[in-house]
Amino acid sequence: MAVITITKANFEAEVMQADKPVLLDFWASWCGPCRMVSPIVDEISEERADVKVGKVNVDEEQELAAAFQVMSIPTLVVMRNGKVAASIVGARPKAAILAELGL
């Protein structure tokens, strides 16, 4: 599945009404660790049909970042049934991301 760009406009439909877990990647273009995590998130998106993957640019979507209390990036958040199920902050290897997020 392709990675979806999550905005305030599509958040309700893409995340809150999703019929499967959603992995959100909060990132920014100037963030070095975000550039390390981004290909891993893309891989998860391609390999896991049971998970919807979305990316939130914190510079463009400050309201969403504030709603999730994102203080450091990258921050990965798993949403299940409209609720935060897990979150991790910082760059981690793929296996650690999958394990920590329960995927």
PDB file of N, CA and C in Angstrom:
ATOM      1  N   MET A   1       0.840  -1.193   0.000  1.00  0.00           N
ATOM      2  CA  MET A   1       0.000   0.000   0.000  1.00  0.00           C
ATOM      3  C   MET A   1       0.878   1.247   0.000  1.00  0.00           C
ATOM      4  N   ALA A   2       0.444   2.252  -0.685  1.00  0.00           N
ATOM      5  CA  ALA A   2       1.216   3.487  -0.747  1.00  0.00           C
ATOM      6  C   ALA A   2       1.070   4.284   0.544  1.00  0.00           C
ATOM      7  N   VAL A   3       2.093   5.055   0.831  1.00  0.00           N
ATOM      8  CA  VAL A   3       2.061   5.944   1.986  1.00  0.00           C
ATOM      9  C   VAL A   3       1.125   7.108   1.670  1.00  0.00           C
ATOM     10  N   ILE A   4       0.302   7.486   2.638  1.00  0.00           N
ATOM     11  CA  ILE A   4      -0.666   8.566   2.464  1.00  0.00           C
ATOM     12  C   ILE A   4      -0.148   9.798   3.191  1.00  0.00           C
ATOM     13  N   THR A   5      -0.257  10.951   2.562  1.00  0.00           N
ATOM     14  CA  THR A   5       0.063  12.204   3.243  1.00  0.00           C
ATOM     15  C   THR A   5      -1.153  12.583   4.080  1.00  0.00           C
ATOM     16  N   ILE A   6      -0.954  12.662   5.380  1.00  0.00           N
ATOM     17  CA  ILE A   6      -2.055  12.974   6.292  1.00  0.00           C
ATOM     18  C   ILE A   6      -2.066  14.470   6.574  1.00  0.00           C
ATOM     19  N   THR A   7      -3.240  15.063   6.403  1.00  0.00           N
ATOM     20  CA  THR A   7      -3.443  16.485   6.686  1.00  0.00           C
ATOM     21  C   THR A   7      -4.651  16.616   7.604  1.00  0.00           C
ATOM     22  N   LYS A   8      -4.849  17.827   8.093  1.00  0.00           N
ATOM     23  CA  LYS A   8      -6.027  18.073   8.918  1.00  0.00           C
ATOM     24  C   LYS A   8      -7.306  17.745   8.138  1.00  0.00           C
ATOM     25  N   ALA A   9      -7.266  18.010   6.825  1.00  0.00           N
ATOM     26  CA  ALA A   9      -8.443  17.813   5.979  1.00  0.00           C
ATOM     27  C   ALA A   9      -8.831  16.345   5.825  1.00  0.00           C
ATOM     28  N   ASN A  10      -7.837  15.426   5.752  1.00  0.00           N
ATOM     29  CA  ASN A  10      -8.173  14.012   5.532  1.00  0.00           C
ATOM     30  C   ASN A  10      -7.972  13.145   6.778  1.00  0.00           C
ATOM     31  N   PHE A  11      -7.602  13.743   7.903  1.00  0.00           N
ATOM     32  CA  PHE A  11      -7.295  12.984   9.114  1.00  0.00           C
ATOM     33  C   PHE A  11      -8.477  12.116   9.566  1.00  0.00           C
ATOM     34  N   GLU A  12      -9.652  12.695   9.616  1.00  0.00           N
ATOM     35  CA  GLU A  12     -10.837  11.962  10.085  1.00  0.00           C
ATOM     36  C   GLU A  12     -11.083  10.722   9.231  1.00  0.00           C
ATOM     37  N   ALA A  13     -11.098  10.890   7.919  1.00  0.00           N
ATOM     38  CA  ALA A  13     -11.395   9.775   7.015  1.00  0.00           C
ATOM     39  C   ALA A  13     -10.278   8.741   6.990  1.00  0.00           C
ATOM     40  N   GLU A  14      -9.033   9.194   6.908  1.00  0.00           N
ATOM     41  CA  GLU A  14      -7.907   8.268   6.734  1.00  0.00           C
ATOM     42  C   GLU A  14      -7.455   7.602   8.029  1.00  0.00           C
ATOM     43  N   VAL A  15      -7.569   8.285   9.152  1.00  0.00           N
ATOM     44  CA  VAL A  15      -7.050   7.758  10.410  1.00  0.00           C
ATOM     45  C   VAL A  15      -8.165   7.328  11.356  1.00  0.00           C
ATOM     46  N   MET A  16      -9.059   8.229  11.676  1.00  0.00           N
ATOM     47  CA  MET A  16     -10.082   7.932  12.681  1.00  0.00           C
ATOM     48  C   MET A  16     -11.082   6.881  12.193  1.00  0.00           C
ATOM     49  N   GLN A  17     -11.348   6.842  10.900  1.00  0.00           N
ATOM     50  CA  GLN A  17     -12.317   5.881  10.369  1.00  0.00           C
ATOM     51  C   GLN A  17     -11.657   4.679   9.699  1.00  0.00           C
ATOM     52  N   ALA A  18     -10.354   4.517   9.893  1.00  0.00           N
ATOM     53  CA  ALA A  18      -9.634   3.404   9.266  1.00  0.00           C
ATOM     54  C   ALA A  18     -10.109   2.074   9.837  1.00  0.00           C
ATOM     55  N   ASP A  19     -10.174   1.065   8.961  1.00  0.00           N
ATOM     56  CA  ASP A  19     -10.616  -0.266   9.388  1.00  0.00           C
ATOM     57  C   ASP A  19      -9.446  -1.164   9.780  1.00  0.00           C
ATOM     58  N   LYS A  20      -8.245  -0.584   9.866  1.00  0.00           N
ATOM     59  CA  LYS A  20      -7.062  -1.328  10.300  1.00  0.00           C
ATOM     60  C   LYS A  20      -6.141  -0.350  11.032  1.00  0.00           C
ATOM     61  N   PRO A  21      -5.128  -0.859  11.716  1.00  0.00           N
ATOM     62  CA  PRO A  21      -4.208   0.050  12.417  1.00  0.00           C
ATOM     63  C   PRO A  21      -3.553   1.026  11.442  1.00  0.00           C
ATOM     64  N   VAL A  22      -3.275   2.227  11.937  1.00  0.00           N
ATOM     65  CA  VAL A  22      -2.635   3.264  11.134  1.00  0.00           C
ATOM     66  C   VAL A  22      -1.308   3.637  11.799  1.00  0.00           C
ATOM     67  N   LEU A  23      -0.229   3.573  11.025  1.00  0.00           N
ATOM     68  CA  LEU A  23       1.081   4.010  11.484  1.00  0.00           C
ATOM     69  C   LEU A  23       1.302   5.426  10.967  1.00  0.00           C
ATOM     70  N   LEU A  24       1.428   6.385  11.890  1.00  0.00           N
ATOM     71  CA  LEU A  24       1.662   7.777  11.524  1.00  0.00           C
ATOM     72  C   LEU A  24       3.119   8.128  11.770  1.00  0.00           C
ATOM     73  N   ASP A  25       3.746   8.718  10.779  1.00  0.00           N
ATOM     74  CA  ASP A  25       5.132   9.171  10.875  1.00  0.00           C
ATOM     75  C   ASP A  25       5.118  10.696  10.880  1.00  0.00           C
ATOM     76  N   PHE A  26       5.413  11.288  12.054  1.00  0.00           N
ATOM     77  CA  PHE A  26       5.519  12.740  12.163  1.00  0.00           C
ATOM     78  C   PHE A  26       6.955  13.120  11.824  1.00  0.00           C
ATOM     79  N   TRP A  27       7.157  13.964  10.817  1.00  0.00           N
ATOM     80  CA  TRP A  27       8.485  14.239  10.279  1.00  0.00           C
ATOM     81  C   TRP A  27       8.587  15.685   9.783  1.00  0.00           C
ATOM     82  N   ALA A  28       9.803  16.066   9.400  1.00  0.00           N
ATOM     83  CA  ALA A  28      10.046  17.351   8.734  1.00  0.00           C
ATOM     84  C   ALA A  28      11.217  17.175   7.769  1.00  0.00           C
ATOM     85  N   SER A  29      11.230  17.961   6.704  1.00  0.00           N
ATOM     86  CA  SER A  29      12.258  17.810   5.678  1.00  0.00           C
ATOM     87  C   SER A  29      13.662  18.148   6.186  1.00  0.00           C
ATOM     88  N   TRP A  30      13.765  19.000   7.183  1.00  0.00           N
ATOM     89  CA  TRP A  30      15.068  19.425   7.708  1.00  0.00           C
ATOM     90  C   TRP A  30      15.614  18.475   8.779  1.00  0.00           C
ATOM     91  N   CYS A  31      14.878  17.434   9.120  1.00  0.00           N
ATOM     92  CA  CYS A  31      15.221  16.538  10.228  1.00  0.00           C
ATOM     93  C   CYS A  31      16.036  15.340   9.720  1.00  0.00           C
ATOM     94  N   GLY A  32      17.308  15.283  10.107  1.00  0.00           N
ATOM     95  CA  GLY A  32      18.184  14.178   9.697  1.00  0.00           C
ATOM     96  C   GLY A  32      17.675  12.812  10.101  1.00  0.00           C
ATOM     97  N   PRO A  33      17.339  12.592  11.382  1.00  0.00           N
ATOM     98  CA  PRO A  33      16.812  11.281  11.788  1.00  0.00           C
ATOM     99  C   PRO A  33      15.523  10.912  11.053  1.00  0.00           C
ATOM    100  N   CYS A  34      14.729  11.912  10.681  1.00  0.00           N
ATOM    101  CA  CYS A  34      13.494  11.637   9.925  1.00  0.00           C
ATOM    102  C   CYS A  34      13.835  11.034   8.563  1.00  0.00           C
ATOM    103  N   ARG A  35      14.912  11.535   7.958  1.00  0.00           N
ATOM    104  CA  ARG A  35      15.333  11.010   6.652  1.00  0.00           C
ATOM    105  C   ARG A  35      15.849   9.578   6.782  1.00  0.00           C
ATOM    106  N   MET A  36      16.334   9.213   7.967  1.00  0.00           N
ATOM    107  CA  MET A  36      16.768   7.830   8.197  1.00  0.00           C
ATOM    108  C   MET A  36      15.563   6.905   8.374  1.00  0.00           C
ATOM    109  N   VAL A  37      14.532   7.387   9.027  1.00  0.00           N
ATOM    110  CA  VAL A  37      13.348   6.571   9.328  1.00  0.00           C
ATOM    111  C   VAL A  37      12.410   6.466   8.123  1.00  0.00           C
ATOM    112  N   SER A  38      12.369   7.476   7.290  1.00  0.00           N
ATOM    113  CA  SER A  38      11.421   7.516   6.178  1.00  0.00           C
ATOM    114  C   SER A  38      11.469   6.283   5.270  1.00  0.00           C
ATOM    115  N   PRO A  39      12.658   5.813   4.839  1.00  0.00           N
ATOM    116  CA  PRO A  39      12.671   4.613   3.998  1.00  0.00           C
ATOM    117  C   PRO A  39      12.156   3.375   4.731  1.00  0.00           C
ATOM    118  N   ILE A  40      12.356   3.320   6.036  1.00  0.00           N
ATOM    119  CA  ILE A  40      11.861   2.188   6.829  1.00  0.00           C
ATOM    120  C   ILE A  40      10.333   2.217   6.849  1.00  0.00           C
ATOM    121  N   VAL A  41       9.773   3.396   7.056  1.00  0.00           N
ATOM    122  CA  VAL A  41       8.315   3.549   7.059  1.00  0.00           C
ATOM    123  C   VAL A  41       7.755   3.179   5.685  1.00  0.00           C
ATOM    124  N   ASP A  42       8.452   3.591   4.633  1.00  0.00           N
ATOM    125  CA  ASP A  42       8.021   3.232   3.271  1.00  0.00           C
ATOM    126  C   ASP A  42       8.036   1.715   3.075  1.00  0.00           C
ATOM    127  N   GLU A  43       9.072   1.050   3.583  1.00  0.00           N
ATOM    128  CA  GLU A  43       9.156  -0.419   3.490  1.00  0.00           C
ATOM    129  C   GLU A  43       7.994  -1.081   4.208  1.00  0.00           C
ATOM    130  N   ILE A  44       7.709  -0.615   5.414  1.00  0.00           N
ATOM    131  CA  ILE A  44       6.589  -1.173   6.187  1.00  0.00           C
ATOM    132  C   ILE A  44       5.300  -1.020   5.383  1.00  0.00           C
ATOM    133  N   SER A  45       5.129   0.129   4.751  1.00  0.00           N
ATOM    134  CA  SER A  45       3.943   0.372   3.940  1.00  0.00           C
ATOM    135  C   SER A  45       3.818  -0.633   2.803  1.00  0.00           C
ATOM    136  N   GLU A  46       4.940  -0.953   2.158  1.00  0.00           N
ATOM    137  CA  GLU A  46       4.925  -1.899   1.035  1.00  0.00           C
ATOM    138  C   GLU A  46       4.712  -3.340   1.493  1.00  0.00           C
ATOM    139  N   GLU A  47       5.245  -3.678   2.658  1.00  0.00           N
ATOM    140  CA  GLU A  47       5.234  -5.078   3.115  1.00  0.00           C
ATOM    141  C   GLU A  47       4.003  -5.455   3.918  1.00  0.00           C
ATOM    142  N   ARG A  48       3.347  -4.495   4.535  1.00  0.00           N
ATOM    143  CA  ARG A  48       2.265  -4.802   5.469  1.00  0.00           C
ATOM    144  C   ARG A  48       0.923  -4.287   4.957  1.00  0.00           C
ATOM    145  N   ALA A  49       0.170  -5.152   4.325  1.00  0.00           N
ATOM    146  CA  ALA A  49      -1.153  -4.766   3.828  1.00  0.00           C
ATOM    147  C   ALA A  49      -2.147  -4.587   4.973  1.00  0.00           C
ATOM    148  N   ASP A  50      -1.795  -5.104   6.161  1.00  0.00           N
ATOM    149  CA  ASP A  50      -2.696  -5.028   7.318  1.00  0.00           C
ATOM    150  C   ASP A  50      -2.538  -3.721   8.093  1.00  0.00           C
ATOM    151  N   VAL A  51      -1.685  -2.822   7.605  1.00  0.00           N
ATOM    152  CA  VAL A  51      -1.439  -1.545   8.285  1.00  0.00           C
ATOM    153  C   VAL A  51      -1.508  -0.418   7.265  1.00  0.00           C
ATOM    154  N   LYS A  52      -2.237   0.638   7.598  1.00  0.00           N
ATOM    155  CA  LYS A  52      -2.257   1.836   6.762  1.00  0.00           C
ATOM    156  C   LYS A  52      -1.135   2.742   7.262  1.00  0.00           C
ATOM    157  N   VAL A  53      -0.372   3.316   6.353  1.00  0.00           N
ATOM    158  CA  VAL A  53       0.769   4.157   6.737  1.00  0.00           C
ATOM    159  C   VAL A  53       0.556   5.575   6.219  1.00  0.00           C
ATOM    160  N   GLY A  54       0.708   6.519   7.142  1.00  0.00           N
ATOM    161  CA  GLY A  54       0.563   7.923   6.772  1.00  0.00           C
ATOM    162  C   GLY A  54       1.711   8.749   7.314  1.00  0.00           C
ATOM    163  N   LYS A  55       2.030   9.822   6.601  1.00  0.00           N
ATOM    164  CA  LYS A  55       3.091  10.733   7.036  1.00  0.00           C
ATOM    165  C   LYS A  55       2.496  12.111   7.285  1.00  0.00           C
ATOM    166  N   VAL A  56       2.928  12.703   8.390  1.00  0.00           N
ATOM    167  CA  VAL A  56       2.450  14.025   8.779  1.00  0.00           C
ATOM    168  C   VAL A  56       3.654  14.964   8.823  1.00  0.00           C
ATOM    169  N   ASN A  57       3.685  15.946   7.930  1.00  0.00           N
ATOM    170  CA  ASN A  57       4.749  16.946   7.933  1.00  0.00           C
ATOM    171  C   ASN A  57       4.425  17.946   9.047  1.00  0.00           C
ATOM    172  N   VAL A  58       5.252  17.967  10.096  1.00  0.00           N
ATOM    173  CA  VAL A  58       4.948  18.803  11.266  1.00  0.00           C
ATOM    174  C   VAL A  58       5.022  20.295  10.952  1.00  0.00           C
ATOM    175  N   ASP A  59       5.775  20.674   9.939  1.00  0.00           N
ATOM    176  CA  ASP A  59       5.843  22.095   9.562  1.00  0.00           C
ATOM    177  C   ASP A  59       4.541  22.547   8.900  1.00  0.00           C
ATOM    178  N   GLU A  60       3.923  21.648   8.134  1.00  0.00           N
ATOM    179  CA  GLU A  60       2.692  21.990   7.422  1.00  0.00           C
ATOM    180  C   GLU A  60       1.443  21.696   8.245  1.00  0.00           C
ATOM    181  N   GLU A  61       1.544  20.758   9.166  1.00  0.00           N
ATOM    182  CA  GLU A  61       0.384  20.329   9.956  1.00  0.00           C
ATOM    183  C   GLU A  61       0.668  20.499  11.454  1.00  0.00           C
ATOM    184  N   GLN A  62       0.931  21.734  11.847  1.00  0.00           N
ATOM    185  CA  GLN A  62       1.280  22.015  13.239  1.00  0.00           C
ATOM    186  C   GLN A  62       0.155  21.669  14.193  1.00  0.00           C
ATOM    187  N   GLU A  63      -1.083  21.816  13.741  1.00  0.00           N
ATOM    188  CA  GLU A  63      -2.230  21.508  14.598  1.00  0.00           C
ATOM    189  C   GLU A  63      -2.294  20.008  14.930  1.00  0.00           C
ATOM    190  N   LEU A  64      -2.036  19.159  13.937  1.00  0.00           N
ATOM    191  CA  LEU A  64      -2.014  17.710  14.185  1.00  0.00           C
ATOM    192  C   LEU A  64      -0.857  17.345  15.104  1.00  0.00           C
ATOM    193  N   ALA A  65       0.315  17.930  14.870  1.00  0.00           N
ATOM    194  CA  ALA A  65       1.470  17.651  15.715  1.00  0.00           C
ATOM    195  C   ALA A  65       1.166  18.047  17.163  1.00  0.00           C
ATOM    196  N   ALA A  66       0.512  19.170  17.348  1.00  0.00           N
ATOM    197  CA  ALA A  66       0.152  19.621  18.699  1.00  0.00           C
ATOM    198  C   ALA A  66      -0.871  18.686  19.331  1.00  0.00           C
ATOM    199  N   ALA A  67      -1.825  18.223  18.534  1.00  0.00           N
ATOM    200  CA  ALA A  67      -2.857  17.329  19.055  1.00  0.00           C
ATOM    201  C   ALA A  67      -2.261  16.023  19.576  1.00  0.00           C
ATOM    202  N   PHE A  68      -1.170  15.576  18.957  1.00  0.00           N
ATOM    203  CA  PHE A  68      -0.489  14.354  19.382  1.00  0.00           C
ATOM    204  C   PHE A  68       0.689  14.646  20.313  1.00  0.00           C
ATOM    205  N   GLN A  69       0.811  15.899  20.716  1.00  0.00           N
ATOM    206  CA  GLN A  69       1.868  16.330  21.631  1.00  0.00           C
ATOM    207  C   GLN A  69       3.254  15.907  21.146  1.00  0.00           C
ATOM    208  N   VAL A  70       3.489  16.086  19.856  1.00  0.00           N
ATOM    209  CA  VAL A  70       4.780  15.750  19.268  1.00  0.00           C
ATOM    210  C   VAL A  70       5.777  16.842  19.656  1.00  0.00           C
ATOM    211  N   MET A  71       6.766  16.462  20.450  1.00  0.00           N
ATOM    212  CA  MET A  71       7.791  17.410  20.898  1.00  0.00           C
ATOM    213  C   MET A  71       9.116  17.189  20.180  1.00  0.00           C
ATOM    214  N   SER A  72       9.363  15.962  19.732  1.00  0.00           N
ATOM    215  CA  SER A  72      10.582  15.611  19.019  1.00  0.00           C
ATOM    216  C   SER A  72      10.198  14.777  17.812  1.00  0.00           C
ATOM    217  N   ILE A  73      10.988  14.910  16.764  1.00  0.00           N
ATOM    218  CA  ILE A  73      10.731  14.095  15.585  1.00  0.00           C
ATOM    219  C   ILE A  73      12.002  13.346  15.208  1.00  0.00           C
ATOM    220  N   PRO A  74      11.893  12.210  14.565  1.00  0.00           N
ATOM    221  CA  PRO A  74      10.634  11.584  14.159  1.00  0.00           C
ATOM    222  C   PRO A  74       9.880  10.988  15.344  1.00  0.00           C
ATOM    223  N   THR A  75       8.572  11.063  15.270  1.00  0.00           N
ATOM    224  CA  THR A  75       7.692  10.370  16.210  1.00  0.00           C
ATOM    225  C   THR A  75       6.786   9.467  15.386  1.00  0.00           C
ATOM    226  N   LEU A  76       6.726   8.201  15.761  1.00  0.00           N
ATOM    227  CA  LEU A  76       5.833   7.244  15.106  1.00  0.00           C
ATOM    228  C   LEU A  76       4.711   6.910  16.074  1.00  0.00           C
ATOM    229  N   VAL A  77       3.486   6.949  15.583  1.00  0.00           N
ATOM    230  CA  VAL A  77       2.309   6.681  16.408  1.00  0.00           C
ATOM    231  C   VAL A  77       1.460   5.627  15.706  1.00  0.00           C
ATOM    232  N   VAL A  78       1.022   4.615  16.467  1.00  0.00           N
ATOM    233  CA  VAL A  78       0.077   3.632  15.939  1.00  0.00           C
ATOM    234  C   VAL A  78      -1.300   3.959  16.495  1.00  0.00           C
ATOM    235  N   MET A  79      -2.253   4.101  15.587  1.00  0.00           N
ATOM    236  CA  MET A  79      -3.647   4.351  15.957  1.00  0.00           C
ATOM    237  C   MET A  79      -4.450   3.081  15.691  1.00  0.00           C
ATOM    238  N   ARG A  80      -5.228   2.690  16.688  1.00  0.00           N
ATOM    239  CA  ARG A  80      -6.156   1.563  16.527  1.00  0.00           C
ATOM    240  C   ARG A  80      -7.530   2.020  16.993  1.00  0.00           C
ATOM    241  N   ASN A  81      -8.528   1.861  16.140  1.00  0.00           N
ATOM    242  CA  ASN A  81      -9.901   2.239  16.472  1.00  0.00           C
ATOM    243  C   ASN A  81      -9.991   3.684  16.967  1.00  0.00           C
ATOM    244  N   GLY A  82      -9.231   4.567  16.323  1.00  0.00           N
ATOM    245  CA  GLY A  82      -9.296   5.982  16.653  1.00  0.00           C
ATOM    246  C   GLY A  82      -8.555   6.395  17.911  1.00  0.00           C
ATOM    247  N   LYS A  83      -7.793   5.488  18.499  1.00  0.00           N
ATOM    248  CA  LYS A  83      -7.057   5.793  19.727  1.00  0.00           C
ATOM    249  C   LYS A  83      -5.573   5.485  19.545  1.00  0.00           C
ATOM    250  N   VAL A  84      -4.730   6.231  20.273  1.00  0.00           N
ATOM    251  CA  VAL A  84      -3.293   5.969  20.233  1.00  0.00           C
ATOM    252  C   VAL A  84      -3.017   4.651  20.942  1.00  0.00           C
ATOM    253  N   ALA A  85      -2.431   3.704  20.219  1.00  0.00           N
ATOM    254  CA  ALA A  85      -2.108   2.392  20.788  1.00  0.00           C
ATOM    255  C   ALA A  85      -0.651   2.320  21.212  1.00  0.00           C
ATOM    256  N   ALA A  86       0.215   3.063  20.507  1.00  0.00           N
ATOM    257  CA  ALA A  86       1.650   3.043  20.819  1.00  0.00           C
ATOM    258  C   ALA A  86       2.313   4.222  20.144  1.00  0.00           C
ATOM    259  N   SER A  87       3.451   4.622  20.702  1.00  0.00           N
ATOM    260  CA  SER A  87       4.243   5.657  20.035  1.00  0.00           C
ATOM    261  C   SER A  87       5.699   5.517  20.439  1.00  0.00           C
ATOM    262  N   ILE A  88       6.570   5.883  19.500  1.00  0.00           N
ATOM    263  CA  ILE A  88       8.003   5.898  19.798  1.00  0.00           C
ATOM    264  C   ILE A  88       8.599   7.166  19.194  1.00  0.00           C
ATOM    265  N   VAL A  89       9.632   7.664  19.851  1.00  0.00           N
ATOM    266  CA  VAL A  89      10.288   8.883  19.419  1.00  0.00           C
ATOM    267  C   VAL A  89      11.729   8.551  19.061  1.00  0.00           C
ATOM    268  N   GLY A  90      12.182   9.080  17.932  1.00  0.00           N
ATOM    269  CA  GLY A  90      13.569   8.901  17.534  1.00  0.00           C
ATOM    270  C   GLY A  90      13.736   7.835  16.477  1.00  0.00           C
ATOM    271  N   ALA A  91      14.916   7.844  15.869  1.00  0.00           N
ATOM    272  CA  ALA A  91      15.238   6.883  14.818  1.00  0.00           C
ATOM    273  C   ALA A  91      15.580   5.537  15.436  1.00  0.00           C
ATOM    274  N   ARG A  92      14.987   4.494  14.905  1.00  0.00           N
ATOM    275  CA  ARG A  92      15.240   3.133  15.358  1.00  0.00           C
ATOM    276  C   ARG A  92      15.317   2.226  14.139  1.00  0.00           C
ATOM    277  N   PRO A  93      15.974   1.056  14.274  1.00  0.00           N
ATOM    278  CA  PRO A  93      15.971   0.107  13.157  1.00  0.00           C
ATOM    279  C   PRO A  93      14.574  -0.472  12.937  1.00  0.00           C
ATOM    280  N   LYS A  94      14.366  -0.995  11.748  1.00  0.00           N
ATOM    281  CA  LYS A  94      13.041  -1.509  11.367  1.00  0.00           C
ATOM    282  C   LYS A  94      12.502  -2.542  12.358  1.00  0.00           C
ATOM    283  N   ALA A  95      13.320  -3.508  12.735  1.00  0.00           N
ATOM    284  CA  ALA A  95      12.851  -4.559  13.655  1.00  0.00           C
ATOM    285  C   ALA A  95      12.388  -3.962  14.979  1.00  0.00           C
ATOM    286  N   ALA A  96      13.113  -2.980  15.464  1.00  0.00           N
ATOM    287  CA  ALA A  96      12.730  -2.330  16.727  1.00  0.00           C
ATOM    288  C   ALA A  96      11.426  -1.549  16.588  1.00  0.00           C
ATOM    289  N   ILE A  97      11.246  -0.904  15.445  1.00  0.00           N
ATOM    290  CA  ILE A  97      10.000  -0.174  15.206  1.00  0.00           C
ATOM    291  C   ILE A  97       8.819  -1.131  15.181  1.00  0.00           C
ATOM    292  N   LEU A  98       8.953  -2.217  14.420  1.00  0.00           N
ATOM    293  CA  LEU A  98       7.861  -3.194  14.325  1.00  0.00           C
ATOM    294  C   LEU A  98       7.561  -3.809  15.692  1.00  0.00           C
ATOM    295  N   ALA A  99       8.601  -4.148  16.441  1.00  0.00           N
ATOM    296  CA  ALA A  99       8.403  -4.771  17.757  1.00  0.00           C
ATOM    297  C   ALA A  99       7.747  -3.805  18.733  1.00  0.00           C
ATOM    298  N   GLU A 100       8.250  -2.587  18.784  1.00  0.00           N
ATOM    299  CA  GLU A 100       7.707  -1.615  19.738  1.00  0.00           C
ATOM    300  C   GLU A 100       6.286  -1.216  19.403  1.00  0.00           C
ATOM    301  N   LEU A 101       5.973  -1.209  18.131  1.00  0.00           N
ATOM    302  CA  LEU A 101       4.647  -0.812  17.721  1.00  0.00           C
ATOM    303  C   LEU A 101       3.674  -1.999  17.674  1.00  0.00           C
ATOM    304  N   GLY A 102       4.169  -3.176  17.949  1.00  0.00           N
ATOM    305  CA  GLY A 102       3.301  -4.347  17.963  1.00  0.00           C
ATOM    306  C   GLY A 102       2.819  -4.743  16.585  1.00  0.00           C
ATOM    307  N   LEU A 103       3.631  -4.483  15.566  1.00  0.00           N
ATOM    308  CA  LEU A 103       3.235  -4.824  14.191  1.00  0.00           C
ATOM    309  C   LEU A 103       3.939  -6.079  13.726  1.00  0.00           C
TER     310      LEU A 103
END
